[in-house]
Structure formats: structure tokens, C-alpha cells
PDB file of N, CA and C in Angstrom:
ATOM      1  N   MET A   1       0.834  -1.184   0.000  1.00  0.00           N
ATOM      2  CA  MET A   1       0.000   0.000   0.000  1.00  0.00           C
ATOM      3  C   MET A   1       0.881   1.250   0.000  1.00  0.00           C
ATOM      4  N   LYS A   2       0.431   2.271  -0.678  1.00  0.00           N
ATOM      5  CA  LYS A   2       1.202   3.509  -0.800  1.00  0.00           C
ATOM      6  C   LYS A   2       1.074   4.346   0.474  1.00  0.00           C
ATOM      7  N   SER A   3       2.118   5.144   0.712  1.00  0.00           N
ATOM      8  CA  SER A   3       2.062   6.055   1.854  1.00  0.00           C
ATOM      9  C   SER A   3       1.125   7.213   1.515  1.00  0.00           C
ATOM     10  N   TYR A   4       0.677   7.923   2.541  1.00  0.00           N
ATOM     11  CA  TYR A   4      -0.244   9.028   2.299  1.00  0.00           C
ATOM     12  C   TYR A   4       0.396  10.154   1.478  1.00  0.00           C
ATOM     13  N   PRO A   5       1.680  10.515   1.722  1.00  0.00           N
ATOM     14  CA  PRO A   5       2.291  11.520   0.835  1.00  0.00           C
ATOM     15  C   PRO A   5       2.294  11.088  -0.637  1.00  0.00           C
ATOM     16  N   GLU A   6       2.487   9.794  -0.900  1.00  0.00           N
ATOM     17  CA  GLU A   6       2.449   9.314  -2.280  1.00  0.00           C
ATOM     18  C   GLU A   6       1.052   9.448  -2.872  1.00  0.00           C
ATOM     19  N   LEU A   7       0.017   9.200  -2.060  1.00  0.00           N
ATOM     20  CA  LEU A   7      -1.354   9.364  -2.533  1.00  0.00           C
ATOM     21  C   LEU A   7      -1.656  10.836  -2.836  1.00  0.00           C
ATOM     22  N   VAL A   8      -1.177  11.741  -1.985  1.00  0.00           N
ATOM     23  CA  VAL A   8      -1.381  13.171  -2.217  1.00  0.00           C
ATOM     24  C   VAL A   8      -0.661  13.599  -3.492  1.00  0.00           C
ATOM     25  N   LEU A   9       0.569  13.141  -3.673  1.00  0.00           N
ATOM     26  CA  LEU A   9       1.325  13.483  -4.878  1.00  0.00           C
ATOM     27  C   LEU A   9       0.625  12.961  -6.127  1.00  0.00           C
ATOM     28  N   GLU A  10       0.136  11.739  -6.088  1.00  0.00           N
ATOM     29  CA  GLU A  10      -0.592  11.186  -7.231  1.00  0.00           C
ATOM     30  C   GLU A  10      -1.832  12.013  -7.547  1.00  0.00           C
ATOM     31  N   GLU A  11      -2.538  12.432  -6.513  1.00  0.00           N
ATOM     32  CA  GLU A  11      -3.746  13.235  -6.723  1.00  0.00           C
ATOM     33  C   GLU A  11      -3.408  14.584  -7.351  1.00  0.00           C
ATOM     34  N   LEU A  12      -2.332  15.213  -6.903  1.00  0.00           N
ATOM     35  CA  LEU A  12      -1.923  16.489  -7.486  1.00  0.00           C
ATOM     36  C   LEU A  12      -1.434  16.313  -8.923  1.00  0.00           C
ATOM     37  N   GLN A  13      -0.792  15.195  -9.215  1.00  0.00           N
ATOM     38  CA  GLN A  13      -0.336  14.933 -10.582  1.00  0.00           C
ATOM     39  C   GLN A  13      -1.512  14.623 -11.496  1.00  0.00           C
ATOM     40  N   HIS A  14      -2.515  13.963 -10.952  1.00  0.00           N
ATOM     41  CA  HIS A  14      -3.686  13.588 -11.753  1.00  0.00           C
ATOM     42  C   HIS A  14      -4.469  14.821 -12.202  1.00  0.00           C
ATOM     43  N   ASP A  15      -4.680  15.757 -11.282  1.00  0.00           N
ATOM     44  CA  ASP A  15      -5.428  16.970 -11.595  1.00  0.00           C
ATOM     45  C   ASP A  15      -4.726  18.123 -10.889  1.00  0.00           C
ATOM     46  N   ASN A  16      -4.051  18.973 -11.635  1.00  0.00           N
ATOM     47  CA  ASN A  16      -3.190  19.994 -11.049  1.00  0.00           C
ATOM     48  C   ASN A  16      -3.900  21.321 -10.789  1.00  0.00           C
ATOM     49  N   THR A  17      -5.225  21.324 -10.729  1.00  0.00           N
ATOM     50  CA  THR A  17      -5.908  22.563 -10.382  1.00  0.00           C
ATOM     51  C   THR A  17      -5.685  22.838  -8.897  1.00  0.00           C
ATOM     52  N   PRO A  18      -5.500  24.093  -8.500  1.00  0.00           N
ATOM     53  CA  PRO A  18      -5.289  24.403  -7.082  1.00  0.00           C
ATOM     54  C   PRO A  18      -6.487  23.959  -6.235  1.00  0.00           C
ATOM     55  N   ARG A  19      -6.197  23.208  -5.169  1.00  0.00           N
ATOM     56  CA  ARG A  19      -7.252  22.692  -4.294  1.00  0.00           C
ATOM     57  C   ARG A  19      -6.851  22.800  -2.844  1.00  0.00           C
ATOM     58  N   THR A  20      -7.851  22.920  -1.976  1.00  0.00           N
ATOM     59  CA  THR A  20      -7.592  22.961  -0.540  1.00  0.00           C
ATOM     60  C   THR A  20      -7.257  21.554  -0.062  1.00  0.00           C
ATOM     61  N   SER A  21      -6.709  21.474   1.137  1.00  0.00           N
ATOM     62  CA  SER A  21      -6.362  20.155   1.677  1.00  0.00           C
ATOM     63  C   SER A  21      -7.615  19.297   1.857  1.00  0.00           C
ATOM     64  N   ALA A  22      -8.750  19.914   2.208  1.00  0.00           N
ATOM     65  CA  ALA A  22      -9.998  19.154   2.355  1.00  0.00           C
ATOM     66  C   ALA A  22     -10.451  18.568   1.021  1.00  0.00           C
ATOM     67  N   GLN A  23     -10.273  19.331  -0.062  1.00  0.00           N
ATOM     68  CA  GLN A  23     -10.643  18.828  -1.387  1.00  0.00           C
ATOM     69  C   GLN A  23      -9.729  17.681  -1.813  1.00  0.00           C
ATOM     70  N   ILE A  24      -8.439  17.802  -1.512  1.00  0.00           N
ATOM     71  CA  ILE A  24      -7.493  16.737  -1.837  1.00  0.00           C
ATOM     72  C   ILE A  24      -7.851  15.484  -1.045  1.00  0.00           C
ATOM     73  N   GLU A  25      -8.140  15.657   0.235  1.00  0.00           N
ATOM     74  CA  GLU A  25      -8.507  14.529   1.086  1.00  0.00           C
ATOM     75  C   GLU A  25      -9.776  13.847   0.582  1.00  0.00           C
ATOM     76  N   ALA A  26     -10.763  14.629   0.160  1.00  0.00           N
ATOM     77  CA  ALA A  26     -12.015  14.055  -0.343  1.00  0.00           C
ATOM     78  C   ALA A  26     -11.779  13.247  -1.614  1.00  0.00           C
ATOM     79  N   GLN A  27     -10.920  13.736  -2.503  1.00  0.00           N
ATOM     80  CA  GLN A  27     -10.622  13.002  -3.728  1.00  0.00           C
ATOM     81  C   GLN A  27      -9.907  11.683  -3.432  1.00  0.00           C
ATOM     82  N   ILE A  28      -8.971  11.717  -2.493  1.00  0.00           N
ATOM     83  CA  ILE A  28      -8.253  10.493  -2.130  1.00  0.00           C
ATOM     84  C   ILE A  28      -9.211   9.494  -1.498  1.00  0.00           C
ATOM     85  N   ALA A  29     -10.089   9.977  -0.627  1.00  0.00           N
ATOM     86  CA  ALA A  29     -11.065   9.097   0.019  1.00  0.00           C
ATOM     87  C   ALA A  29     -12.013   8.481  -1.006  1.00  0.00           C
ATOM     88  N   ALA A  30     -12.423   9.271  -1.997  1.00  0.00           N
ATOM     89  CA  ALA A  30     -13.325   8.761  -3.035  1.00  0.00           C
ATOM     90  C   ALA A  30     -12.642   7.714  -3.906  1.00  0.00           C
ATOM     91  N   ARG A  31     -11.363   7.908  -4.206  1.00  0.00           N
ATOM     92  CA  ARG A  31     -10.638   6.971  -5.077  1.00  0.00           C
ATOM     93  C   ARG A  31     -10.206   5.700  -4.376  1.00  0.00           C
ATOM     94  N   THR A  32      -9.695   5.855  -3.154  1.00  0.00           N
ATOM     95  CA  THR A  32      -9.076   4.703  -2.489  1.00  0.00           C
ATOM     96  C   THR A  32      -9.884   4.146  -1.329  1.00  0.00           C
ATOM     97  N   GLY A  33     -10.804   4.937  -0.791  1.00  0.00           N
ATOM     98  CA  GLY A  33     -11.563   4.497   0.380  1.00  0.00           C
ATOM     99  C   GLY A  33     -10.820   4.728   1.683  1.00  0.00           C
ATOM    100  N   VAL A  34      -9.629   5.319   1.609  1.00  0.00           N
ATOM    101  CA  VAL A  34      -8.823   5.594   2.800  1.00  0.00           C
ATOM    102  C   VAL A  34      -9.315   6.888   3.424  1.00  0.00           C
ATOM    103  N   THR A  35      -9.688   6.838   4.709  1.00  0.00           N
ATOM    104  CA  THR A  35     -10.090   8.041   5.426  1.00  0.00           C
ATOM    105  C   THR A  35      -9.041   8.322   6.486  1.00  0.00           C
ATOM    106  N   PRO A  36      -8.170   9.301   6.256  1.00  0.00           N
ATOM    107  CA  PRO A  36      -7.085   9.582   7.196  1.00  0.00           C
ATOM    108  C   PRO A  36      -7.543  10.486   8.332  1.00  0.00           C
ATOM    109  N   HIS A  37      -6.653  10.712   9.294  1.00  0.00           N
ATOM    110  CA  HIS A  37      -6.967  11.670  10.348  1.00  0.00           C
ATOM    111  C   HIS A  37      -6.949  13.075   9.772  1.00  0.00           C
ATOM    112  N   LYS A  38      -7.465  14.057  10.513  1.00  0.00           N
ATOM    113  CA  LYS A  38      -7.735  15.371   9.942  1.00  0.00           C
ATOM    114  C   LYS A  38      -6.513  16.175   9.516  1.00  0.00           C
ATOM    115  N   THR A  39      -5.332  15.871  10.016  1.00  0.00           N
ATOM    116  CA  THR A  39      -4.137  16.625   9.617  1.00  0.00           C
ATOM    117  C   THR A  39      -3.223  15.836   8.679  1.00  0.00           C
ATOM    118  N   ALA A  40      -3.713  14.747   8.129  1.00  0.00           N
ATOM    119  CA  ALA A  40      -2.873  13.893   7.282  1.00  0.00           C
ATOM    120  C   ALA A  40      -2.416  14.600   6.016  1.00  0.00           C
ATOM    121  N   VAL A  41      -3.268  15.390   5.389  1.00  0.00           N
ATOM    122  CA  VAL A  41      -2.886  16.071   4.157  1.00  0.00           C
ATOM    123  C   VAL A  41      -1.801  17.101   4.447  1.00  0.00           C
ATOM    124  N   HIS A  42      -1.947  17.830   5.546  1.00  0.00           N
ATOM    125  CA  HIS A  42      -0.926  18.818   5.902  1.00  0.00           C
ATOM    126  C   HIS A  42       0.416  18.135   6.168  1.00  0.00           C
ATOM    127  N   GLY A  43       0.392  17.023   6.867  1.00  0.00           N
ATOM    128  CA  GLY A  43       1.626  16.276   7.106  1.00  0.00           C
ATOM    129  C   GLY A  43       2.236  15.765   5.820  1.00  0.00           C
ATOM    130  N   ALA A  44       1.382  15.324   4.899  1.00  0.00           N
ATOM    131  CA  ALA A  44       1.866  14.830   3.608  1.00  0.00           C
ATOM    132  C   ALA A  44       2.477  15.968   2.789  1.00  0.00           C
ATOM    133  N   ILE A  45       1.864  17.146   2.840  1.00  0.00           N
ATOM    134  CA  ILE A  45       2.403  18.290   2.101  1.00  0.00           C
ATOM    135  C   ILE A  45       3.759  18.699   2.664  1.00  0.00           C
ATOM    136  N   ILE A  46       3.897  18.683   3.976  1.00  0.00           N
ATOM    137  CA  ILE A  46       5.188  18.988   4.599  1.00  0.00           C
ATOM    138  C   ILE A  46       6.233  17.967   4.165  1.00  0.00           C
ATOM    139  N   ALA A  47       5.862  16.689   4.143  1.00  0.00           N
ATOM    140  CA  ALA A  47       6.788  15.638   3.716  1.00  0.00           C
ATOM    141  C   ALA A  47       7.161  15.793   2.246  1.00  0.00           C
ATOM    142  N   LEU A  48       6.209  16.179   1.402  1.00  0.00           N
ATOM    143  CA  LEU A  48       6.488  16.357  -0.028  1.00  0.00           C
ATOM    144  C   LEU A  48       7.391  17.553  -0.277  1.00  0.00           C
ATOM    145  N   ARG A  49       7.250  18.598   0.520  1.00  0.00           N
ATOM    146  CA  ARG A  49       8.119  19.769   0.352  1.00  0.00           C
ATOM    147  C   ARG A  49       9.574  19.445   0.655  1.00  0.00           C
ATOM    148  N   ALA A  50       9.807  18.433   1.450  1.00  0.00           N
ATOM    149  CA  ALA A  50      11.180  18.037   1.782  1.00  0.00           C
ATOM    150  C   ALA A  50      11.858  17.327   0.615  1.00  0.00           C
ATOM    151  N   ARG A  51      11.083  16.837  -0.329  1.00  0.00           N
ATOM    152  CA  ARG A  51      11.650  16.151  -1.490  1.00  0.00           C
ATOM    153  C   ARG A  51      12.117  17.173  -2.519  1.00  0.00           C
ATOM    154  N   PRO A  52      13.371  17.087  -2.949  1.00  0.00           N
ATOM    155  CA  PRO A  52      13.872  18.095  -3.898  1.00  0.00           C
ATOM    156  C   PRO A  52      13.226  18.024  -5.278  1.00  0.00           C
ATOM    157  N   GLU A  53      12.688  16.875  -5.663  1.00  0.00           N
ATOM    158  CA  GLU A  53      12.108  16.753  -7.002  1.00  0.00           C
ATOM    159  C   GLU A  53      10.656  17.217  -7.070  1.00  0.00           C
ATOM    160  N   VAL A  54      10.044  17.516  -5.914  1.00  0.00           N
ATOM    161  CA  VAL A  54       8.649  17.942  -5.876  1.00  0.00           C
ATOM    162  C   VAL A  54       8.601  19.437  -5.572  1.00  0.00           C
ATOM    163  N   HIS A  55       7.906  20.189  -6.401  1.00  0.00           N
ATOM    164  CA  HIS A  55       7.786  21.635  -6.218  1.00  0.00           C
ATOM    165  C   HIS A  55       6.312  21.993  -6.057  1.00  0.00           C
ATOM    166  N   LEU A  56       5.906  22.212  -4.809  1.00  0.00           N
ATOM    167  CA  LEU A  56       4.528  22.569  -4.514  1.00  0.00           C
ATOM    168  C   LEU A  56       4.397  24.081  -4.424  1.00  0.00           C
ATOM    169  N   ILE A  57       3.279  24.586  -4.901  1.00  0.00           N
ATOM    170  CA  ILE A  57       2.975  25.997  -4.722  1.00  0.00           C
ATOM    171  C   ILE A  57       1.630  26.088  -4.019  1.00  0.00           C
ATOM    172  N   HIS A  58       1.403  27.212  -3.329  1.00  0.00           N
ATOM    173  CA  HIS A  58       0.131  27.406  -2.651  1.00  0.00           C
ATOM    174  C   HIS A  58      -0.264  28.867  -2.712  1.00  0.00           C
ATOM    175  N   THR A  59      -1.549  29.113  -2.507  1.00  0.00           N
ATOM    176  CA  THR A  59      -2.043  30.485  -2.491  1.00  0.00           C
ATOM    177  C   THR A  59      -1.655  31.139  -1.179  1.00  0.00           C
ATOM    178  N   GLU A  60      -1.601  32.455  -1.165  1.00  0.00           N
ATOM    179  CA  GLU A  60      -1.224  33.191   0.041  1.00  0.00           C
ATOM    180  C   GLU A  60      -2.399  33.378   0.993  1.00  0.00           C
ATOM    181  N   THR A  61      -3.617  33.323   0.488  1.00  0.00           N
ATOM    182  CA  THR A  61      -4.791  33.539   1.324  1.00  0.00           C
ATOM    183  C   THR A  61      -5.351  32.208   1.826  1.00  0.00           C
ATOM    184  N   TYR A  62      -6.055  32.271   2.944  1.00  0.00           N
ATOM    185  CA  TYR A  62      -6.665  31.071   3.511  1.00  0.00           C
ATOM    186  C   TYR A  62      -8.075  30.925   2.974  1.00  0.00           C
ATOM    187  N   PRO A  63      -8.569  29.740   2.755  1.00  0.00           N
ATOM    188  CA  PRO A  63      -7.843  28.484   2.890  1.00  0.00           C
ATOM    189  C   PRO A  63      -6.835  28.319   1.758  1.00  0.00           C
ATOM    190  N   ARG A  64      -5.674  27.834   2.104  1.00  0.00           N
ATOM    191  CA  ARG A  64      -4.615  27.663   1.104  1.00  0.00           C
ATOM    192  C   ARG A  64      -5.009  26.592   0.095  1.00  0.00           C
ATOM    193  N   LYS A  65      -4.667  26.863  -1.143  1.00  0.00           N
ATOM    194  CA  LYS A  65      -4.910  25.893  -2.214  1.00  0.00           C
ATOM    195  C   LYS A  65      -3.554  25.466  -2.743  1.00  0.00           C
ATOM    196  N   TYR A  66      -3.370  24.160  -2.867  1.00  0.00           N
ATOM    197  CA  TYR A  66      -2.085  23.582  -3.255  1.00  0.00           C
ATOM    198  C   TYR A  66      -2.148  23.035  -4.676  1.00  0.00           C
ATOM    199  N   SER A  67      -1.005  23.132  -5.366  1.00  0.00           N
ATOM    200  CA  SER A  67      -0.846  22.528  -6.684  1.00  0.00           C
ATOM    201  C   SER A  67       0.636  22.289  -6.922  1.00  0.00           C
ATOM    202  N   LEU A  68       0.942  21.539  -7.958  1.00  0.00           N
ATOM    203  CA  LEU A  68       2.336  21.309  -8.335  1.00  0.00           C
ATOM    204  C   LEU A  68       2.801  22.415  -9.259  1.00  0.00           C
ATOM    205  N   ALA A  69       4.016  22.850  -9.067  1.00  0.00           N
ATOM    206  CA  ALA A  69       4.596  23.851  -9.960  1.00  0.00           C
ATOM    207  C   ALA A  69       4.996  23.159 -11.247  1.00  0.00           C
ATOM    208  N   THR A  70       4.708  23.799 -12.350  1.00  0.00           N
ATOM    209  CA  THR A  70       5.118  23.243 -13.641  1.00  0.00           C
ATOM    210  C   THR A  70       6.208  24.133 -14.212  1.00  0.00           C
ATOM    211  N   LEU A  71       7.231  23.516 -14.734  1.00  0.00           N
ATOM    212  CA  LEU A  71       8.341  24.262 -15.314  1.00  0.00           C
ATOM    213  C   LEU A  71       8.000  24.659 -16.740  1.00  0.00           C
ATOM    214  N   SER A  72       8.250  25.897 -17.058  1.00  0.00           N
ATOM    215  CA  SER A  72       8.039  26.324 -18.437  1.00  0.00           C
ATOM    216  C   SER A  72       9.353  26.162 -19.191  1.00  0.00           C
ATOM    217  N   GLY A  73       9.291  26.229 -20.479  1.00  0.00           N
ATOM    218  CA  GLY A  73      10.490  26.060 -21.296  1.00  0.00           C
ATOM    219  C   GLY A  73      11.478  27.204 -21.150  1.00  0.00           C
ATOM    220  N   SER A  74      11.029  28.354 -20.669  1.00  0.00           N
ATOM    221  CA  SER A  74      11.920  29.505 -20.553  1.00  0.00           C
ATOM    222  C   SER A  74      12.723  29.502 -19.251  1.00  0.00           C
ATOM    223  N   VAL A  75      12.391  28.614 -18.326  1.00  0.00           N
ATOM    224  CA  VAL A  75      13.116  28.546 -17.056  1.00  0.00           C
ATOM    225  C   VAL A  75      14.405  27.764 -17.260  1.00  0.00           C
ATOM    226  N   LYS A  76      15.515  28.338 -16.832  1.00  0.00           N
ATOM    227  CA  LYS A  76      16.810  27.679 -16.998  1.00  0.00           C
ATOM    228  C   LYS A  76      17.225  26.999 -15.701  1.00  0.00           C
ATOM    229  N   THR A  77      17.891  25.863 -15.848  1.00  0.00           N
ATOM    230  CA  THR A  77      18.442  25.166 -14.695  1.00  0.00           C
ATOM    231  C   THR A  77      19.760  25.827 -14.289  1.00  0.00           C
ATOM    232  N   LYS A  78      20.272  25.467 -13.109  1.00  0.00           N
ATOM    233  CA  LYS A  78      21.549  26.020 -12.658  1.00  0.00           C
ATOM    234  C   LYS A  78      22.679  25.667 -13.620  1.00  0.00           C
ATOM    235  N   ALA A  79      22.645  24.462 -14.184  1.00  0.00           N
ATOM    236  CA  ALA A  79      23.686  24.035 -15.114  1.00  0.00           C
ATOM    237  C   ALA A  79      23.644  24.882 -16.392  1.00  0.00           C
ATOM    238  N   GLU A  80      22.442  25.204 -16.857  1.00  0.00           N
ATOM    239  CA  GLU A  80      22.328  26.034 -18.072  1.00  0.00           C
ATOM    240  C   GLU A  80      22.801  27.451 -17.822  1.00  0.00           C
ATOM    241  N   ILE A  81      22.551  27.964 -16.634  1.00  0.00           N
ATOM    242  CA  ILE A  81      22.990  29.301 -16.281  1.00  0.00           C
ATOM    243  C   ILE A  81      24.509  29.365 -16.180  1.00  0.00           C
ATOM    244  N   SER A  82      25.095  28.307 -15.593  1.00  0.00           N
ATOM    245  CA  SER A  82      26.554  28.260 -15.391  1.00  0.00           C
ATOM    246  C   SER A  82      27.314  28.069 -16.699  1.00  0.00           C
ATOM    247  N   ALA A  83      26.700  27.427 -17.676  1.00  0.00           N
ATOM    248  CA  ALA A  83      27.383  27.098 -18.935  1.00  0.00           C
ATOM    249  C   ALA A  83      27.666  28.301 -19.792  1.00  0.00           C
TER     250      ALA A  83
END
């Protein structure tokens, strides 16, 4: 079985529209039948932010809405800048 951060990441990858943690939790519960404790999504988001390959963005106003950052073609990596 997948960990809860993996389920949150899959949900954000599946549909990248900005959503609140309650909306993310409802989608995961509808898909998998897993009903986590009330702070599980927040814990999963904190765990995902620690991963260097995952770039989460959120709104500044409450309730916060989370989504994955997408890289555009005009963004350069550190290696491209250094070259």
C-alpha cells in the first residue's frame, strides 16, 4: 500500500488545479476508500516539500490551495545558467 504523501502526490499529478487540503482529502477518500486523520494532508504536504524533485505551490490567502509547480520552457536550470 502507498504512503499518504504518495497518494497526495498522485492526486496532485492527476489533476493539477489548485485545491484545498480538504478537497485533496475528499478526492483520495473517493478513489481509495482511505479516510485519514484530519491533519494527514498537511503532514503529507510537509513531507512532499522536503523532497527536492517535488515543487509545490500554494495560495497566500486562507484556505490555502495547493498545486504542483510546472516548469516552463523559458526557465533555466543552474547548469544552463553556469554554462
